């Protein structure tokens, strides 16, 4: 028997793409679809509301939970509300039945023209009178001018045929598709059902065409764990697709699902992707063993460890950490570092050791009265790249020691850090330039050869 406490706690982890967090009290995801004959894009919003976070009311059948789910789309350009929809849902738990964070899933569809929007998703507890909400900015793209394209990928907990004449909240194209807004898959049940639609395939009227669909499941660092290929034979230009991917053997972690549709000549026709996470569902015996090994963190310890993890973890991993009960967070942290161990045959976790060596050095060396070391520009570069191979500096702003196409730092105290091919693959050196703009010893990033670290510069 599998122990469900961790599974349910982790199943409340946030949807990274949507930006929901455990503090919101619910979890949501979304996907874009393109109905024929209309100009609007249908944004399907899926919300999962943990019943234990709602107030129940007594009823004949047991405890009654009543809540609203609302979705509002506001155009960023002028603040106009383009769509606003509210639905009411109820769920009943039989008397005497223990509530262990079951999720009540709701789907809300809104149609909007292509554009940039701020979507607000809210949940109102009708019995308790409280409300929770979350916002996310979405660029809703319209169909491309020409050629085939793919809808968003809808992650599901189950998909089953129901017939073309059946209607319902989760029914689409003759299928009952129960969404999975948490975007989490347990290694105890490692199946990932998905639904998507393909439009404008190059198929002549009355003809059949054959395409190849390739599914890749990769870690966010690019390492691929699953590749599945399917033959797609279609008669029309638009088609709805269902697939169930077997993730057996995929270790816990954050992943991206990429699908690519190719024609018979191997040319890519359309593609789409979706992030999700695999988590470990512990048995009762494993849980006892782990809890005997790890002591729960104090509040200060938990705050400090979360800050350290945030320098390495993905948004989804941080959301999972936040959603876990306090006593289970040490287990998560142990698995977090174990997944990053480059050599699991040794007793030492080289990745973790290097991280903390740099972390403590940065905190001691680069902290200022205004910021701690890891929050400074020098600190974050050192944390990622380590000790520079060459340092050029001048308190007078002299630029003779380094040849860079830059001018803002020439009259200010500066340091230039150079790393000799840190990636070890392309023989490209990396340079960062820091200036002390105010003469107070606090050096800030001015420019770099790396995108995302100040203005781009080039070496001669």
Protein backbone atom coordinates (compact mmCIF):
# COMPACT_ATOMS: atom_id res chain seq x y z
CA UNK A 1 0.00 0.00 0.00
CA UNK A 2 1.29 3.44 -0.89
CA UNK A 3 1.32 6.21 1.69
CA UNK A 4 -0.90 9.03 0.40
CA UNK A 5 0.04 11.81 2.81
CA UNK A 6 3.08 12.92 0.83
CA UNK A 7 1.34 12.33 -2.48
CA UNK A 8 -1.52 14.61 -1.54
CA UNK A 9 0.74 17.25 -0.03
CA UNK A 10 2.92 17.34 -3.12
CA UNK A 11 -0.14 17.23 -5.34
CA UNK A 12 -0.93 20.67 -3.97
CA UNK A 13 2.29 22.04 -5.47
CA UNK A 14 1.93 25.07 -7.68
CA UNK A 15 1.68 25.20 -11.42
CA UNK A 16 4.82 27.01 -12.45
CA UNK A 17 3.54 28.19 -15.79
CA UNK A 18 0.50 29.69 -14.15
CA UNK A 19 2.42 31.18 -11.25
CA UNK A 20 0.17 29.73 -8.55
CA UNK A 21 1.73 29.09 -5.15
CA UNK A 22 0.68 27.17 -2.09
CA UNK A 23 -0.21 30.46 -0.44
CA UNK A 24 -2.97 30.95 -3.01
CA UNK A 25 -4.89 28.02 -1.51
CA UNK A 26 -5.54 26.47 -4.93
CA UNK A 27 -3.62 25.41 -8.01
CA UNK A 28 -4.22 26.05 -11.66
CA UNK A 29 -2.99 25.52 -15.19
CA UNK A 30 -4.18 26.56 -18.64
CA UNK A 31 -3.99 25.70 -22.35
CA UNK A 32 -4.88 27.54 -25.57
CA UNK A 33 -7.23 26.07 -28.21
CA UNK A 34 -8.36 27.42 -31.57
CA UNK A 35 -11.96 26.64 -32.60
CA UNK A 36 -12.73 26.72 -36.31
CA UNK A 37 -14.80 29.59 -37.62
CA UNK A 38 -13.90 32.06 -34.86
CA UNK A 39 -11.32 34.76 -34.26
CA UNK A 40 -11.05 34.30 -30.49
CA UNK A 41 -8.60 31.96 -28.80
CA UNK A 42 -10.23 29.73 -26.18
CA UNK A 43 -8.18 29.79 -22.98
CA UNK A 44 -9.08 26.77 -20.87
CA UNK A 45 -8.25 27.42 -17.21
CA UNK A 46 -8.10 24.41 -14.87
CA UNK A 47 -8.30 24.97 -11.10
CA UNK A 48 -7.72 22.39 -8.35
CA UNK A 49 -9.11 23.41 -4.96
CA UNK A 50 -8.05 21.41 -1.85
CA UNK A 51 -11.26 20.84 0.14
CA UNK A 52 -9.41 20.91 3.44
CA UNK A 53 -8.72 24.61 2.82
CA UNK A 54 -12.45 25.36 2.59
CA UNK A 55 -15.11 25.63 5.28
CA UNK A 56 -17.69 22.86 5.19
CA UNK A 57 -21.40 23.07 5.98
CA UNK A 58 -23.47 20.13 7.26
CA UNK A 59 -25.79 18.49 4.74
CA UNK A 60 -27.89 15.36 4.44
CA UNK A 61 -25.12 13.48 2.62
CA UNK A 62 -22.27 14.65 4.84
CA UNK A 63 -20.02 17.73 4.74
CA UNK A 64 -20.83 20.12 1.91
CA UNK A 65 -18.14 22.33 0.40
CA UNK A 66 -19.31 25.22 -1.81
CA UNK A 67 -17.03 27.55 -3.73
CA UNK A 68 -16.75 29.84 -6.73
CA UNK A 69 -14.01 29.82 -9.34
CA UNK A 70 -13.63 33.04 -11.33
CA UNK A 71 -11.45 33.95 -14.31
CA UNK A 72 -10.93 37.53 -15.51
CA UNK A 73 -8.83 38.58 -18.51
CA UNK A 74 -7.63 42.20 -18.58
CA UNK A 75 -5.90 43.60 -21.67
CA UNK A 76 -2.49 44.96 -20.66
CA UNK A 77 -2.48 47.70 -23.31
CA UNK A 78 -5.46 49.66 -21.91
CA UNK A 79 -6.69 47.82 -18.79
CA UNK A 80 -9.96 46.80 -20.44
CA UNK A 81 -11.65 43.68 -19.07
CA UNK A 82 -12.12 41.41 -22.08
CA UNK A 83 -13.51 38.32 -20.34
CA UNK A 84 -14.97 37.71 -16.90
CA UNK A 85 -16.56 34.39 -15.92
CA UNK A 86 -17.62 32.94 -12.58
CA UNK A 87 -18.79 29.37 -11.91
CA UNK A 88 -20.08 27.79 -8.70
CA UNK A 89 -19.15 24.26 -7.64
CA UNK A 90 -20.02 21.99 -4.72
CA UNK A 91 -18.48 18.81 -3.33
CA UNK A 92 -19.76 16.50 -0.62
CA UNK A 93 -17.69 14.32 1.71
CA UNK A 94 -19.65 11.53 3.40
CA UNK A 95 -20.10 11.80 7.16
CA UNK A 96 -17.19 10.23 9.02
CA UNK A 97 -14.94 10.16 5.95
CA UNK A 98 -11.58 11.77 6.62
CA UNK A 99 -10.57 14.60 4.29
CA UNK A 100 -6.93 14.22 3.27
CA UNK A 101 -6.59 17.18 0.90
CA UNK A 102 -8.73 15.82 -1.97
CA UNK A 103 -8.72 18.21 -4.88
CA UNK A 104 -11.94 19.40 -6.49
CA UNK A 105 -11.11 20.17 -10.12
CA UNK A 106 -12.96 22.83 -12.11
CA UNK A 107 -12.57 23.98 -15.72
CA UNK A 108 -13.43 27.52 -16.86
CA UNK A 109 -13.24 28.46 -20.56
CA UNK A 110 -12.94 32.06 -21.77
CA UNK A 111 -12.54 33.38 -25.30
CA UNK A 112 -10.26 36.34 -26.03
CA UNK A 113 -8.76 37.87 -29.17
CA UNK A 114 -4.99 37.40 -29.59
CA UNK A 115 -3.02 39.84 -27.45
CA UNK A 116 -1.26 40.39 -24.13
CA UNK A 117 -3.39 39.89 -21.01
CA UNK A 118 -3.31 39.67 -17.26
CA UNK A 119 -5.37 36.69 -16.18
CA UNK A 120 -6.72 36.72 -12.62
CA UNK A 121 -7.92 33.38 -11.22
CA UNK A 122 -9.81 33.42 -7.93
CA UNK A 123 -11.54 31.00 -5.57
CA UNK A 124 -14.29 32.08 -3.15
CA UNK A 125 -15.21 29.93 -0.15
CA UNK A 126 -18.99 30.36 0.04
CA UNK A 127 -19.31 28.88 3.54
CA UNK A 128 -16.26 30.53 5.06
CA UNK A 129 -16.54 33.84 3.24
CA UNK A 130 -12.85 33.97 2.29
CA UNK A 131 -11.38 34.53 -1.16
CA UNK A 132 -8.02 33.68 -2.72
CA UNK A 133 -6.65 34.85 -6.04
CA UNK A 134 -3.60 34.73 -8.24
CA UNK A 135 -2.54 36.58 -11.39
CA UNK A 136 -0.39 35.72 -14.40
CA UNK A 137 0.50 37.70 -17.53
CA UNK A 138 -0.16 35.71 -20.71
CA UNK A 139 0.73 36.42 -24.33
CA UNK A 140 -2.19 34.83 -26.18
CA UNK A 141 -0.92 34.14 -29.69
CA UNK A 142 -3.25 33.78 -32.63
CA UNK A 143 -2.85 31.19 -35.39
CA UNK A 144 0.20 31.66 -37.62
CA UNK A 145 -0.41 33.27 -40.99
CA UNK A 146 0.08 29.95 -42.76
CA UNK A 147 1.01 26.34 -42.14
CA UNK A 148 -0.03 23.82 -39.50
CA UNK A 149 0.18 24.48 -35.78
CA UNK A 150 -0.59 22.82 -32.43
CA UNK A 151 -2.82 23.88 -29.54
CA UNK A 152 -1.59 23.92 -25.99
CA UNK A 153 -0.91 20.56 -24.33
CA UNK A 154 -3.55 19.65 -21.75
CA UNK A 155 -2.24 17.45 -18.95
CA UNK A 156 -4.91 15.08 -17.63
CA UNK A 157 -5.44 12.74 -14.73
CA UNK A 158 -7.72 10.56 -16.90
CA UNK A 159 -9.13 10.48 -20.44
CA UNK A 160 -12.01 8.23 -21.49
CA UNK A 161 -14.39 8.08 -24.49
CA UNK A 162 -18.00 9.08 -23.73
CA UNK A 163 -19.60 9.52 -27.15
CA UNK A 164 -20.17 12.47 -29.44
CA UNK A 165 -23.61 13.33 -28.02
CA UNK A 166 -22.52 13.61 -24.38
CA UNK A 167 -22.00 17.10 -22.94
CA UNK A 168 -20.32 18.17 -19.72
CA UNK A 169 -17.74 20.37 -18.08
CA UNK A 170 -14.83 18.13 -19.02
CA UNK A 171 -16.21 16.65 -22.27
CA UNK A 172 -14.54 17.51 -25.56
CA UNK A 173 -14.67 15.78 -28.95
CA UNK A 174 -16.37 12.73 -27.47
CA UNK A 175 -13.86 12.42 -24.64
CA UNK A 176 -14.09 13.00 -20.91
CA UNK A 177 -10.81 14.75 -20.07
CA UNK A 178 -10.23 15.35 -16.36
CA UNK A 179 -7.46 17.99 -16.12
CA UNK A 180 -4.40 17.73 -13.90
CA UNK A 181 -3.85 21.38 -12.81
CA UNK A 182 -1.03 20.45 -10.42
CA UNK A 183 1.10 19.18 -13.33
CA UNK A 184 2.45 16.44 -11.06
CA UNK A 185 2.93 12.74 -11.81
CA UNK A 186 3.65 10.17 -9.10
CA UNK A 187 6.30 7.52 -9.69
CA UNK A 188 3.83 5.17 -8.00
CA UNK A 189 1.47 5.65 -10.98
CA UNK A 190 3.83 6.86 -13.73
CA UNK A 191 1.34 7.45 -16.55
CA UNK A 192 0.90 10.88 -18.10
CA UNK A 193 -2.28 11.26 -20.21
CA UNK A 194 -2.28 14.28 -22.53
CA UNK A 195 -4.69 15.87 -25.01
CA UNK A 196 -3.94 18.35 -27.78
CA UNK A 197 -5.21 19.44 -31.18
CA UNK A 198 -3.44 19.94 -34.51
CA UNK A 199 -4.74 22.39 -37.08
CA UNK A 200 -4.21 23.00 -40.81
CA UNK A 201 -2.30 19.84 -41.60
CA UNK A 202 -1.44 19.68 -45.32
CA UNK A 203 -4.04 17.06 -46.26
CA UNK A 204 -5.94 17.33 -49.55
CA UNK A 205 -9.72 16.83 -49.49
CA UNK A 206 -10.64 13.17 -49.74
CA UNK A 207 -7.02 12.07 -49.24
CA UNK A 208 -5.10 10.47 -46.40
CA UNK A 209 -1.73 11.63 -45.20
CA UNK A 210 0.73 10.07 -42.79
CA UNK A 211 2.76 12.02 -40.25
CA UNK A 212 5.10 11.05 -37.42
CA UNK A 213 4.57 12.40 -33.90
CA UNK A 214 7.63 12.36 -31.62
CA UNK A 215 7.32 12.88 -27.86
CA UNK A 216 10.43 13.75 -25.82
CA UNK A 217 10.50 13.96 -22.03
CA UNK A 218 13.62 15.78 -20.86
CA UNK A 219 14.89 17.37 -17.69
CA UNK A 220 15.03 21.14 -17.80
CA UNK A 221 18.81 20.87 -18.24
CA UNK A 222 18.22 19.06 -21.54
CA UNK A 223 18.87 15.43 -20.55
CA UNK A 224 16.30 13.23 -22.29
CA UNK A 225 14.68 10.30 -20.48
CA UNK A 226 11.83 9.26 -22.79
CA UNK A 227 11.38 9.30 -26.56
CA UNK A 228 8.22 7.87 -28.12
CA UNK A 229 7.24 7.94 -31.79
CA UNK A 230 3.74 7.41 -33.14
CA UNK A 231 2.38 7.21 -36.67
CA UNK A 232 -0.43 9.68 -37.30
CA UNK A 233 -2.68 8.88 -40.28
CA UNK A 234 -5.33 11.54 -40.91
CA UNK A 235 -7.98 12.34 -43.48
CA UNK A 236 -8.73 15.94 -42.45
CA UNK A 237 -6.62 19.00 -41.81
CA UNK A 238 -7.68 19.30 -38.13
CA UNK A 239 -7.30 16.46 -35.66
CA UNK A 240 -7.62 15.89 -31.88
CA UNK A 241 -4.98 13.67 -30.31
CA UNK A 242 -4.79 11.66 -27.08
CA UNK A 243 -1.62 10.00 -25.80
CA UNK A 244 -0.62 8.31 -22.55
CA UNK A 245 3.11 8.44 -21.89
CA UNK A 246 4.69 5.81 -19.64
CA UNK A 247 7.22 7.48 -17.32
CA UNK A 248 8.34 4.30 -15.57
CA UNK A 249 11.92 4.72 -14.43
CA UNK A 250 11.92 8.51 -14.76
CA UNK A 251 13.40 9.85 -11.49
CA UNK A 252 11.73 12.62 -9.48
CA UNK A 253 12.38 16.10 -10.85
CA UNK A 254 11.22 18.82 -13.20
CA UNK A 255 10.67 17.92 -16.85
CA UNK A 256 9.58 19.33 -20.18
CA UNK A 257 7.40 17.40 -22.60
CA UNK A 258 8.07 18.34 -26.23
CA UNK A 259 6.03 17.05 -29.13
CA UNK A 260 7.04 17.38 -32.76
CA UNK A 261 4.95 16.46 -35.78
CA UNK A 262 6.90 15.66 -38.95
CA UNK A 263 5.85 14.88 -42.50
CA UNK A 264 6.96 11.80 -44.42
CA UNK A 265 10.15 13.53 -45.56
CA UNK A 266 11.17 14.24 -41.97
CA UNK A 267 10.51 17.96 -42.08
CA UNK A 268 9.00 19.45 -38.91
CA UNK A 269 5.42 20.52 -39.40
CA UNK A 270 4.36 21.71 -35.93
CA UNK A 271 5.48 21.47 -32.29
CA UNK A 272 4.48 22.29 -28.71
CA UNK A 273 5.84 21.81 -25.19
CA UNK A 274 4.72 21.64 -21.56
CA UNK A 275 6.45 21.51 -18.17
CA UNK A 276 5.51 19.06 -15.43
CA UNK A 277 7.08 17.33 -12.43
CA UNK A 278 7.57 13.74 -11.29
CA UNK A 279 7.57 13.14 -7.53
CA UNK A 280 8.26 10.12 -5.35
CA UNK A 281 5.36 8.54 -3.50
CA UNK A 282 6.74 6.96 -0.38
CA UNK A 283 5.61 3.69 1.10
CA UNK A 284 4.75 3.59 4.80
CA UNK A 285 8.02 1.76 5.51
CA UNK A 286 10.08 4.30 3.57
CA UNK A 287 8.39 7.16 5.40
CA UNK A 288 9.22 5.70 8.81
CA UNK A 289 12.82 5.21 7.74
CA UNK A 290 13.16 8.73 6.38
CA UNK A 291 11.51 10.36 9.38
CA UNK A 292 13.91 8.51 11.64
CA UNK A 293 16.81 9.92 9.65
CA UNK A 294 15.72 13.54 9.38
CA UNK A 295 14.64 15.95 12.09
CA UNK A 296 12.11 18.65 11.14
CA UNK A 297 13.57 22.11 10.57
CA UNK A 298 12.96 24.99 12.91
CA UNK A 299 11.28 28.02 11.32
CA UNK A 300 14.63 29.80 11.02
CA UNK A 301 16.30 26.74 9.53
CA UNK A 302 13.50 26.31 7.03
CA UNK A 303 13.74 29.96 5.98
CA UNK A 304 17.51 29.74 5.53
CA UNK A 305 17.39 26.45 3.60
CA UNK A 306 14.71 27.77 1.28
CA UNK A 307 16.89 30.80 0.51
CA UNK A 308 19.80 28.50 -0.34
CA UNK A 309 17.64 26.23 -2.50
CA UNK A 310 16.24 29.23 -4.40
CA UNK A 311 19.72 29.83 -5.87
CA UNK A 312 19.57 26.43 -7.60
CA UNK A 313 15.97 25.18 -7.70
CA UNK A 314 13.38 25.65 -10.41
CA UNK A 315 10.18 27.56 -9.60
CA UNK A 316 8.28 24.26 -9.60
CA UNK A 317 10.68 22.71 -7.08
CA UNK A 318 10.36 25.73 -4.78
CA UNK A 319 6.58 25.54 -5.02
CA UNK A 320 6.72 21.86 -4.09
CA UNK A 321 8.97 22.63 -1.12
CA UNK A 322 6.53 25.31 0.07
CA UNK A 323 3.55 22.93 -0.21
CA UNK A 324 5.08 20.12 1.86
CA UNK A 325 4.39 19.73 5.59
CA UNK A 326 7.30 20.84 7.77
CA UNK A 327 8.27 17.31 8.79
CA UNK A 328 8.63 16.22 5.16
CA UNK A 329 10.80 19.10 3.94
CA UNK A 330 14.11 17.51 5.07
CA UNK A 331 13.23 14.50 2.90
CA UNK A 332 12.63 16.76 -0.07
CA UNK A 333 15.95 18.58 0.47
CA UNK A 334 17.87 15.29 0.65
CA UNK A 335 16.32 14.13 -2.63
CA UNK A 336 16.85 17.60 -4.15
CA UNK A 337 20.63 17.41 -3.78
CA UNK A 338 20.77 13.68 -4.59
CA UNK A 339 19.19 14.34 -8.00
CA UNK A 340 22.06 16.73 -8.78
CA UNK A 341 24.89 14.42 -7.68
CA UNK A 342 27.09 14.01 -10.80
CA UNK A 343 28.63 10.75 -9.55
CA UNK A 344 26.27 8.62 -7.52
CA UNK A 345 28.94 5.91 -7.15
CA UNK A 346 30.88 8.05 -4.66
CA UNK A 347 29.87 9.01 -1.12
CA UNK A 348 30.50 12.68 -1.88
CA UNK A 349 28.00 14.90 -3.66
CA UNK A 350 30.40 17.05 -5.69
CA UNK A 351 27.71 19.44 -6.91
CA UNK A 352 26.44 20.18 -3.41
CA UNK A 353 29.95 20.58 -2.01
CA UNK A 354 30.99 23.06 -4.70
CA UNK A 355 27.77 25.03 -4.26
CA UNK A 356 28.22 25.46 -0.51
CA UNK A 357 31.95 26.23 -0.79
CA UNK A 358 31.10 29.07 -3.16
CA UNK A 359 28.06 30.11 -1.13
CA UNK A 360 29.95 30.60 2.13
CA UNK A 361 32.83 32.35 0.35
CA UNK A 362 30.44 34.74 -1.41
CA UNK A 363 28.59 35.53 1.81
CA UNK A 364 31.84 36.39 3.56
CA UNK A 365 33.66 38.11 0.70
CA UNK A 366 30.98 40.12 -1.09
CA UNK A 367 28.42 41.06 1.55
CA UNK A 368 27.98 44.82 2.02
CA UNK A 369 26.09 46.93 4.57
CA UNK A 370 23.33 47.08 1.95
CA UNK A 371 23.14 43.52 0.59
CA UNK A 372 24.25 40.02 1.48
CA UNK A 373 26.86 38.47 -0.78
CA UNK A 374 24.58 36.20 -2.83
CA UNK A 375 22.42 39.22 -3.72
CA UNK A 376 25.35 41.20 -5.18
CA UNK A 377 26.34 41.06 -8.84
CA UNK A 378 29.81 39.78 -8.02
CA UNK A 379 28.31 37.21 -5.69
CA UNK A 380 25.91 35.73 -8.23
CA UNK A 381 28.63 35.49 -10.89
CA UNK A 382 31.03 33.81 -8.46
CA UNK A 383 28.29 31.44 -7.31
CA UNK A 384 27.77 30.23 -10.87
CA UNK A 385 31.28 30.37 -12.34
CA UNK A 386 33.59 30.20 -9.33
CA UNK A 387 37.03 31.83 -9.04
CA UNK A 388 37.91 33.92 -12.16
CA UNK A 389 40.91 32.73 -14.18
CA UNK A 390 42.06 36.32 -14.60
CA UNK A 391 41.13 39.56 -12.83
CA UNK A 392 41.90 43.03 -14.21
CA UNK A 393 41.23 45.98 -11.93
CA UNK A 394 42.00 49.64 -11.46
CA UNK A 395 40.83 52.08 -8.77
CA UNK A 396 41.20 54.90 -11.32
CA UNK A 397 39.13 53.33 -14.04
CA UNK A 398 42.11 52.74 -16.36
CA UNK A 399 41.17 50.42 -19.22
CA UNK A 400 44.59 49.35 -20.45
CA UNK A 401 44.48 45.95 -18.76
CA UNK A 402 41.50 44.61 -20.68
CA UNK A 403 40.36 45.11 -24.28
CA UNK A 404 36.62 45.46 -24.30
CA UNK A 405 34.19 47.39 -26.46
CA UNK A 406 32.77 49.42 -23.57
CA UNK A 407 33.10 52.95 -22.22
CA UNK A 408 30.85 53.46 -19.21
CA UNK A 409 33.41 52.03 -16.78
CA UNK A 410 36.54 53.78 -18.09
CA UNK A 411 36.32 56.69 -15.65
CA UNK A 412 35.20 54.64 -12.64
CA UNK A 413 36.94 52.05 -10.46
CA UNK A 414 36.38 48.72 -12.15
CA UNK A 415 37.10 45.01 -12.07
CA UNK A 416 36.99 42.74 -15.10
CA UNK A 417 36.68 38.99 -14.47
CA UNK A 418 37.66 36.60 -17.24
CA UNK A 419 36.92 32.87 -17.34
CA UNK A 420 38.77 30.74 -19.86
CA UNK A 421 36.14 28.63 -21.65
CA UNK A 422 34.03 27.82 -18.54
CA UNK A 423 31.77 25.52 -20.56
CA UNK A 424 34.73 23.56 -21.84
CA UNK A 425 33.17 22.94 -25.23
CA UNK A 426 33.44 25.97 -27.51
CA UNK A 427 36.78 27.56 -26.55
CA UNK A 428 34.99 30.81 -25.73
CA UNK A 429 36.18 32.99 -22.87
CA UNK A 430 33.63 34.78 -20.70
CA UNK A 431 34.14 38.31 -19.35
CA UNK A 432 32.23 40.30 -16.71
CA UNK A 433 32.88 43.98 -15.96
CA UNK A 434 31.91 45.50 -12.60
CA UNK A 435 32.11 49.21 -11.71
CA UNK A 436 32.06 51.10 -8.44
CA UNK A 437 29.76 53.88 -9.66
CA UNK A 438 29.45 55.68 -6.31
CA UNK A 439 32.98 55.12 -5.00
CA UNK A 440 31.68 53.29 -1.93
CA UNK A 441 33.27 49.91 -2.67
CA UNK A 442 30.00 48.36 -3.87
CA UNK A 443 30.73 47.04 -7.37
CA UNK A 444 27.78 46.45 -9.69
CA UNK A 445 27.51 44.67 -13.03
CA UNK A 446 28.06 46.98 -15.98
CA UNK A 447 28.52 44.66 -18.94
CA UNK A 448 29.41 41.15 -19.98
CA UNK A 449 29.90 38.82 -22.92
CA UNK A 450 27.06 36.70 -21.48
CA UNK A 451 23.40 37.65 -22.15
CA UNK A 452 21.50 38.54 -18.99
CA UNK A 453 24.46 40.06 -17.14
CA UNK A 454 24.27 43.74 -18.04
CA UNK A 455 24.97 45.26 -21.46
CA UNK A 456 26.48 42.86 -23.96
CA UNK A 457 30.12 43.53 -24.84
CA UNK A 458 32.57 41.74 -27.09
CA UNK A 459 36.19 40.84 -26.63
CA UNK A 460 38.75 41.81 -29.33
